Amino acid sequence: MDKEHFKYLFRLYVSGKCTPQERDEFFDLLEVHKEDETIISLMDGLYSEIRKETPSASYVNNQGRMDLAGTTHQQEKVRPLRSRFKTYTWAAAAALLLLITAGGWLLTRRHTAAPLAAGTAAGNKVEVVSAFTSIRTGNHEKKIIVLTDSTRIVLNGATELRYPDHFDPEKREVYLEGEAFFEVSNAAAWPFVIHSSGGMSTTVLGTSFNIKAYPDRRQAIVSVVTGKVRITKNEKDISILIKGQELRMTMQTGAAEQRNTGGTTIAGWQTGDISFNDETLEDILKDLQIFYGVNIRISNAGLANLVITTGFKKNTSIENALDVVCELANARYTKNNEGYVVY
């Protein structure tokens, strides 16, 4: 591989000036040469240069196109982030370094007294006197965050995460609206709790899992990749999930269903794919709206609760995706100035 061309693509990427084609070429090169020690060493050097220019305690990748969910991470003793780069796999290293100097991609810190989606009942907020960092993503946008406790979080589109500037020594708590994949460090010794919409809370008893809990979605879904999590709603225990299990909770009624994932890909959205297993057409179209960054609405209310199983690769166009969905739903769609209408 031409190392100078690789470095050229890297600098284009972090400057925010690369085209989508150049960005894809860069990540394709990373994928092809992920086991190449020369490239790993080169990435170490590039990362060190960026760290010297812009030191930070937290890191965010605006595109987030690396497959952290599919990478097996070795358990390690939690150490301060500034000394941990050498222990990351190439994918985690790339995800952390491709972000810092690009204009507008650093964390924007703000202080608030009310954490997100923390109500004891749906729609209510719990007032907490603390300083919080808020991270948001737009439609068709992903971000990767590494917290100071070494927990890694990948945010999907149209998602907001809030976390305190300083974790309580007895318990770590964050607040989520949307979808995110978590890899939590030191979970057994230091409890980690995710509060999400509808009064649902997920307590980490293991390491990696996915939460989809958009406030306007019919269902919230928690899926476990490794370890174990406990689910509660309004402080009432609902379920404990282990590897290969998921919980689906109907937001309006609180009704919950536990099932096995059956080997389906959890959090495939991290690599650009998207899949649905027995989900309503209304929820699927909301996810497609986020995934493609377009407006989609249903004009036929009778279609909203139709349950469908399907999936799409990252290069599938919105029209092809809607073709498949509408064929399964025996529906049609049209395009107008505002986006797409399914009827």
Protein backbone atom coordinates (compact mmCIF):
# COMPACT_ATOMS: atom_id res chain seq x y z
CA MET A 1 0.00 0.00 0.00
CA ASP A 2 1.16 3.54 -0.75
CA LYS A 3 1.73 4.97 2.75
CA GLU A 4 1.92 8.55 1.52
CA HIS A 5 -1.47 8.20 -0.16
CA PHE A 6 -2.84 6.66 3.03
CA LYS A 7 -1.57 9.61 5.09
CA TYR A 8 -3.00 12.00 2.51
CA LEU A 9 -6.45 10.39 2.88
CA PHE A 10 -6.12 10.47 6.65
CA ARG A 11 -5.39 14.19 6.74
CA LEU A 12 -8.25 14.89 4.35
CA TYR A 13 -10.56 12.97 6.64
CA VAL A 14 -9.66 14.74 9.88
CA SER A 15 -9.77 18.13 8.16
CA GLY A 16 -13.38 17.46 7.14
CA LYS A 17 -12.52 18.12 3.47
CA CYS A 18 -12.68 14.58 2.05
CA THR A 19 -15.37 13.53 -0.38
CA PRO A 20 -17.60 10.51 0.42
CA GLN A 21 -15.56 8.52 -2.11
CA GLU A 22 -12.27 9.44 -0.42
CA ARG A 23 -13.72 8.59 2.98
CA ASP A 24 -14.87 5.17 1.73
CA GLU A 25 -11.45 4.55 0.16
CA PHE A 26 -9.77 5.34 3.47
CA PHE A 27 -11.93 2.93 5.48
CA ASP A 28 -11.61 0.25 2.79
CA LEU A 29 -7.82 0.49 3.09
CA LEU A 30 -8.09 0.13 6.86
CA GLU A 31 -10.22 -2.99 6.44
CA VAL A 32 -7.88 -4.62 3.91
CA HIS A 33 -4.72 -3.90 5.92
CA LYS A 34 -6.12 -4.28 9.45
CA GLU A 35 -3.54 -7.01 10.32
CA ASP A 36 -0.58 -5.18 8.74
CA GLU A 37 1.89 -4.22 11.48
CA THR A 38 3.28 -1.43 9.28
CA ILE A 39 -0.14 0.19 9.04
CA ILE A 40 -0.78 -0.28 12.76
CA SER A 41 2.52 1.47 13.49
CA LEU A 42 1.65 4.24 11.02
CA MET A 43 -1.72 4.72 12.72
CA ASP A 44 0.06 4.97 16.08
CA GLY A 45 2.20 7.78 14.72
CA LEU A 46 -0.70 9.66 13.15
CA TYR A 47 -2.70 9.29 16.33
CA SER A 48 0.17 10.67 18.42
CA GLU A 49 0.44 13.70 16.16
CA ILE A 50 -3.25 14.45 16.55
CA ARG A 51 -3.14 13.97 20.32
CA LYS A 52 -0.35 16.54 20.59
CA GLU A 53 -2.32 19.06 18.56
CA THR A 54 -5.66 18.57 20.34
CA PRO A 55 -5.60 16.82 23.73
CA SER A 56 -9.01 15.75 25.03
CA ALA A 57 -10.47 13.42 27.65
CA SER A 58 -13.24 12.21 25.33
CA TYR A 59 -13.31 11.40 21.63
CA VAL A 60 -16.06 11.42 19.04
CA ASN A 61 -15.99 9.99 15.52
CA ASN A 62 -18.52 11.89 13.40
CA GLN A 63 -18.95 9.05 10.89
CA GLY A 64 -18.53 6.02 13.17
CA ARG A 65 -18.25 3.48 10.36
CA MET A 66 -16.08 0.95 12.20
CA ASP A 67 -17.46 -2.42 13.34
CA LEU A 68 -16.77 -2.28 17.07
CA ALA A 69 -19.71 -4.58 17.75
CA GLY A 70 -18.23 -7.32 15.65
CA THR A 71 -14.74 -7.11 17.18
CA THR A 72 -13.81 -9.30 20.11
CA HIS A 73 -12.18 -7.08 22.74
CA GLN A 74 -9.95 -8.62 25.39
CA GLN A 75 -10.81 -7.78 28.98
CA GLU A 76 -8.20 -5.49 30.49
CA LYS A 77 -7.55 -3.56 33.63
CA VAL A 78 -9.11 -0.11 33.44
CA ARG A 79 -6.43 2.54 33.03
CA PRO A 80 -6.56 6.26 32.29
CA LEU A 81 -7.45 6.90 28.65
CA ARG A 82 -4.20 8.79 27.95
CA SER A 83 -2.15 5.61 28.45
CA ARG A 84 -4.40 3.13 26.69
CA PHE A 85 -3.86 3.62 22.96
CA LYS A 86 -1.40 0.77 22.54
CA THR A 87 -3.96 -1.69 23.93
CA TYR A 88 -6.70 -0.85 21.43
CA THR A 89 -7.35 -2.97 18.37
CA TRP A 90 -6.79 -1.26 15.02
CA ALA A 91 -10.53 -0.64 14.67
CA ALA A 92 -10.88 1.11 18.01
CA ALA A 93 -7.74 3.13 17.35
CA ALA A 94 -9.02 4.28 13.98
CA ALA A 95 -12.37 5.17 15.47
CA LEU A 96 -10.74 7.29 18.15
CA LEU A 97 -8.25 9.19 16.04
CA LEU A 98 -10.37 10.14 13.03
CA LEU A 99 -12.17 12.97 14.70
CA ILE A 100 -10.23 15.43 16.72
CA THR A 101 -9.23 18.20 14.37
CA ALA A 102 -12.24 18.18 12.02
CA GLY A 103 -14.11 21.43 12.60
CA GLY A 104 -17.22 21.13 14.72
CA TRP A 105 -16.74 17.45 15.62
CA LEU A 106 -15.38 17.90 19.13
CA LEU A 107 -17.65 17.55 22.13
CA THR A 108 -19.73 20.60 22.96
CA ARG A 109 -20.02 20.81 26.70
CA ARG A 110 -22.99 22.40 28.35
CA HIS A 111 -24.42 22.32 31.84
CA THR A 112 -27.92 21.25 32.74
CA ALA A 113 -29.80 20.33 35.87
CA ALA A 114 -32.16 17.82 34.24
CA PRO A 115 -30.76 14.60 32.73
CA LEU A 116 -32.38 13.11 29.67
CA ALA A 117 -35.30 10.65 29.85
CA ALA A 118 -34.84 10.15 33.58
CA GLY A 119 -38.48 10.39 34.65
CA THR A 120 -40.01 8.03 37.16
CA ALA A 121 -42.88 7.88 34.66
CA ALA A 122 -42.97 8.45 30.93
CA GLY A 123 -42.45 12.10 30.08
CA ASN A 124 -41.35 13.16 33.57
CA LYS A 125 -37.86 14.50 34.25
CA VAL A 126 -35.84 13.98 37.42
CA GLU A 127 -33.99 17.06 38.57
CA VAL A 128 -30.35 16.35 39.36
CA VAL A 129 -27.98 19.09 40.44
CA SER A 130 -24.95 18.15 38.36
CA ALA A 131 -23.02 19.22 35.29
CA PHE A 132 -23.72 17.10 32.20
CA THR A 133 -22.17 16.68 28.78
CA SER A 134 -24.69 16.29 25.95
CA ILE A 135 -23.84 14.51 22.67
CA ARG A 136 -26.29 14.50 19.73
CA THR A 137 -26.33 12.92 16.29
CA GLY A 138 -28.39 13.92 13.27
CA ASN A 139 -30.11 11.59 10.84
CA HIS A 140 -27.66 9.34 8.98
CA GLU A 141 -24.88 10.26 11.43
CA LYS A 142 -22.91 8.14 13.90
CA LYS A 143 -20.53 9.06 16.69
CA ILE A 144 -18.13 7.02 18.80
CA ILE A 145 -17.43 8.14 22.35
CA VAL A 146 -14.88 6.89 24.87
CA LEU A 147 -15.72 8.00 28.40
CA THR A 148 -13.06 8.70 31.01
CA ASP A 149 -13.83 5.31 32.63
CA SER A 150 -12.87 3.64 29.29
CA THR A 151 -16.47 2.72 28.42
CA ARG A 152 -16.99 2.82 24.62
CA ILE A 153 -20.35 3.96 23.21
CA VAL A 154 -21.40 4.09 19.56
CA LEU A 155 -24.38 6.39 18.89
CA ASN A 156 -26.73 5.75 15.96
CA GLY A 157 -28.51 8.55 14.08
CA ALA A 158 -31.01 10.93 15.71
CA THR A 159 -29.71 10.01 19.17
CA GLU A 160 -28.86 12.02 22.28
CA LEU A 161 -26.67 10.88 25.17
CA ARG A 162 -26.06 12.77 28.40
CA TYR A 163 -23.55 11.84 31.07
CA PRO A 164 -22.16 13.64 34.13
CA ASP A 165 -18.81 15.35 34.09
CA HIS A 166 -17.87 13.22 37.11
CA PHE A 167 -19.33 9.80 37.85
CA ASP A 168 -20.54 8.96 41.34
CA PRO A 169 -18.02 6.62 43.02
CA GLU A 170 -20.83 4.18 43.83
CA LYS A 171 -22.68 4.13 40.48
CA ARG A 172 -22.30 5.42 36.90
CA GLU A 173 -25.49 6.75 35.28
CA VAL A 174 -26.10 8.04 31.73
CA TYR A 175 -29.26 9.08 29.88
CA LEU A 176 -30.18 7.99 26.36
CA GLU A 177 -32.80 8.87 23.76
CA GLY A 178 -32.28 6.92 20.56
CA GLU A 179 -30.02 3.95 19.82
CA ALA A 180 -26.52 3.14 21.05
CA PHE A 181 -24.15 0.21 21.44
CA PHE A 182 -22.30 0.03 24.78
CA GLU A 183 -19.07 -1.69 25.79
CA VAL A 184 -18.84 -1.04 29.51
CA SER A 185 -15.62 -1.34 31.49
CA ASN A 186 -15.40 -2.71 35.02
CA ALA A 187 -19.16 -3.40 35.16
CA ALA A 188 -19.08 -5.89 38.02
CA ALA A 189 -17.20 -3.63 40.42
CA TRP A 190 -18.74 -0.29 39.40
CA PRO A 191 -22.44 -0.41 38.38
CA PHE A 192 -23.37 1.31 35.11
CA VAL A 193 -27.01 2.33 34.49
CA ILE A 194 -28.57 3.66 31.27
CA HIS A 195 -31.84 5.56 31.70
CA SER A 196 -33.95 5.74 28.54
CA SER A 197 -37.41 6.79 27.35
CA GLY A 198 -40.58 5.59 29.04
CA GLY A 199 -38.98 5.14 32.46
CA MET A 200 -36.87 2.17 31.29
CA SER A 201 -33.45 1.63 32.88
CA THR A 202 -30.75 -0.89 31.95
CA THR A 203 -28.22 -1.91 34.60
CA VAL A 204 -25.04 -3.44 33.22
CA LEU A 205 -24.03 -6.78 34.68
CA GLY A 206 -21.78 -7.70 31.72
CA THR A 207 -19.99 -5.87 28.93
CA SER A 208 -21.60 -5.26 25.51
CA PHE A 209 -25.18 -4.69 24.42
CA ASN A 210 -27.41 -2.54 22.19
CA ILE A 211 -30.30 -0.28 23.25
CA LYS A 212 -32.85 1.12 20.81
CA ALA A 213 -35.21 3.50 22.64
CA TYR A 214 -36.34 6.38 20.44
CA PRO A 215 -39.10 8.33 22.23
CA ASP A 216 -41.53 8.23 19.26
CA ARG A 217 -40.98 4.53 18.55
CA ARG A 218 -43.63 1.89 19.37
CA GLN A 219 -41.06 -0.49 20.87
CA ALA A 220 -37.84 -0.18 22.85
CA ILE A 221 -35.37 -3.04 22.28
CA VAL A 222 -32.41 -4.12 24.43
CA SER A 223 -30.14 -6.81 22.89
CA VAL A 224 -27.17 -8.43 24.66
CA VAL A 225 -23.98 -9.40 22.80
CA THR A 226 -21.86 -10.45 25.79
CA GLY A 227 -22.43 -10.58 29.53
CA LYS A 228 -25.71 -9.75 31.23
CA VAL A 229 -28.03 -6.77 31.87
CA ARG A 230 -31.00 -6.08 34.15
CA ILE A 231 -34.02 -4.17 32.77
CA THR A 232 -36.36 -2.13 34.96
CA LYS A 233 -39.27 0.20 34.25
CA ASN A 234 -40.10 2.89 36.77
CA GLU A 235 -37.82 1.06 39.24
CA LYS A 236 -39.74 -2.25 38.87
CA ASP A 237 -37.71 -5.27 37.73
CA ILE A 238 -38.75 -6.52 34.29
CA SER A 239 -36.09 -8.99 33.14
CA ILE A 240 -32.46 -10.11 33.26
CA LEU A 241 -30.94 -10.78 29.83
CA ILE A 242 -27.86 -12.82 28.94
CA LYS A 243 -25.83 -13.23 25.75
CA GLY A 244 -28.05 -13.84 22.70
CA GLN A 245 -31.25 -12.54 24.32
CA GLU A 246 -33.26 -9.36 23.83
CA LEU A 247 -36.21 -7.62 25.45
CA ARG A 248 -38.89 -5.75 23.52
CA MET A 249 -41.00 -3.32 25.49
CA THR A 250 -44.09 -1.57 24.11
CA MET A 251 -43.60 2.05 25.11
CA GLN A 252 -47.24 2.99 25.64
CA THR A 253 -48.38 -0.07 27.62
CA GLY A 254 -45.17 -1.27 29.21
CA ALA A 255 -45.83 -4.81 27.95
CA ALA A 256 -42.53 -6.70 27.61
CA GLU A 257 -41.49 -9.75 25.59
CA GLN A 258 -38.20 -11.59 26.01
CA ARG A 259 -36.80 -13.63 23.12
CA ASN A 260 -33.65 -15.17 21.72
CA THR A 261 -31.98 -13.24 18.92
CA GLY A 262 -31.57 -16.43 16.89
CA GLY A 263 -28.10 -15.52 15.68
CA THR A 264 -29.25 -12.32 13.97
CA THR A 265 -26.74 -9.49 13.77
CA ILE A 266 -27.08 -7.13 16.72
CA ALA A 267 -26.22 -3.49 16.01
CA GLY A 268 -25.36 -4.15 12.37
CA TRP A 269 -26.04 -0.45 11.84
CA GLN A 270 -22.46 0.22 13.01
CA THR A 271 -21.13 -1.14 9.71
CA GLY A 272 -23.84 0.50 7.62
CA ASP A 273 -26.27 -2.43 7.44
CA ILE A 274 -29.78 -2.36 8.88
CA SER A 275 -32.10 -5.20 9.88
CA PHE A 276 -35.58 -5.66 11.35
CA ASN A 277 -36.95 -8.76 13.05
CA ASP A 278 -40.74 -8.75 13.61
CA GLU A 279 -41.01 -4.96 13.83
CA THR A 280 -43.96 -2.77 12.87
CA LEU A 281 -44.00 -0.94 9.55
CA GLU A 282 -44.30 2.34 11.44
CA ASP A 283 -41.11 1.67 13.41
CA ILE A 284 -39.28 0.38 10.34
CA LEU A 285 -40.05 3.52 8.36
CA LYS A 286 -38.92 5.70 11.27
CA ASP A 287 -35.62 3.81 11.31
CA LEU A 288 -35.24 4.14 7.54
CA GLN A 289 -35.88 7.86 7.89
CA ILE A 290 -32.95 8.10 10.31
CA PHE A 291 -30.76 5.68 8.34
CA TYR A 292 -31.15 7.51 5.01
CA GLY A 293 -31.67 11.02 6.35
CA VAL A 294 -34.95 11.54 4.48
CA ASN A 295 -38.54 12.24 5.47
CA ILE A 296 -40.92 9.23 5.30
CA ARG A 297 -44.53 9.14 6.47
CA ILE A 298 -47.47 6.72 6.31
CA SER A 299 -50.71 8.07 4.88
CA ASN A 300 -52.59 4.79 5.47
CA ALA A 301 -52.95 4.30 9.24
CA GLY A 302 -54.03 0.71 8.70
CA LEU A 303 -50.48 -0.20 7.69
CA ALA A 304 -48.75 1.20 10.77
CA ASN A 305 -48.92 -1.91 12.99
CA LEU A 306 -48.14 -4.47 10.27
CA VAL A 307 -45.23 -6.64 11.49
CA ILE A 308 -42.35 -7.27 9.05
CA THR A 309 -38.94 -9.00 9.05
CA THR A 310 -36.38 -7.73 6.54
CA GLY A 311 -32.92 -6.16 6.21
CA PHE A 312 -30.68 -4.14 3.89
CA LYS A 313 -26.98 -3.81 3.17
CA LYS A 314 -25.28 -0.42 3.46
CA ASN A 315 -25.22 0.21 -0.29
CA THR A 316 -28.97 -0.32 -0.73
CA SER A 317 -30.70 2.83 -2.01
CA ILE A 318 -33.73 4.28 -0.24
CA GLU A 319 -35.90 3.47 -3.26
CA ASN A 320 -34.81 -0.18 -3.27
CA ALA A 321 -35.42 -0.43 0.47
CA LEU A 322 -38.91 1.04 0.10
CA ASP A 323 -39.58 -1.32 -2.82
CA VAL A 324 -38.89 -4.32 -0.57
CA VAL A 325 -40.80 -2.98 2.42
CA CYS A 326 -43.83 -2.03 0.37
CA GLU A 327 -43.89 -5.41 -1.37
CA LEU A 328 -43.91 -7.16 2.02
CA ALA A 329 -46.60 -4.81 3.32
CA ASN A 330 -48.68 -4.90 0.14
CA ALA A 331 -48.33 -1.14 0.01
CA ARG A 332 -47.04 1.53 -2.37
CA TYR A 333 -45.01 4.69 -2.03
CA THR A 334 -44.57 7.96 -3.86
CA LYS A 335 -42.01 10.75 -3.70
CA ASN A 336 -42.80 14.44 -3.27
CA ASN A 337 -40.93 17.60 -2.38
CA GLU A 338 -40.95 16.70 1.33
CA GLY A 339 -39.72 13.12 0.95
CA TYR A 340 -41.62 9.83 0.62
CA VAL A 341 -45.20 8.82 1.41
CA VAL A 342 -46.20 5.18 1.97
CA TYR A 343 -49.85 4.31 1.35
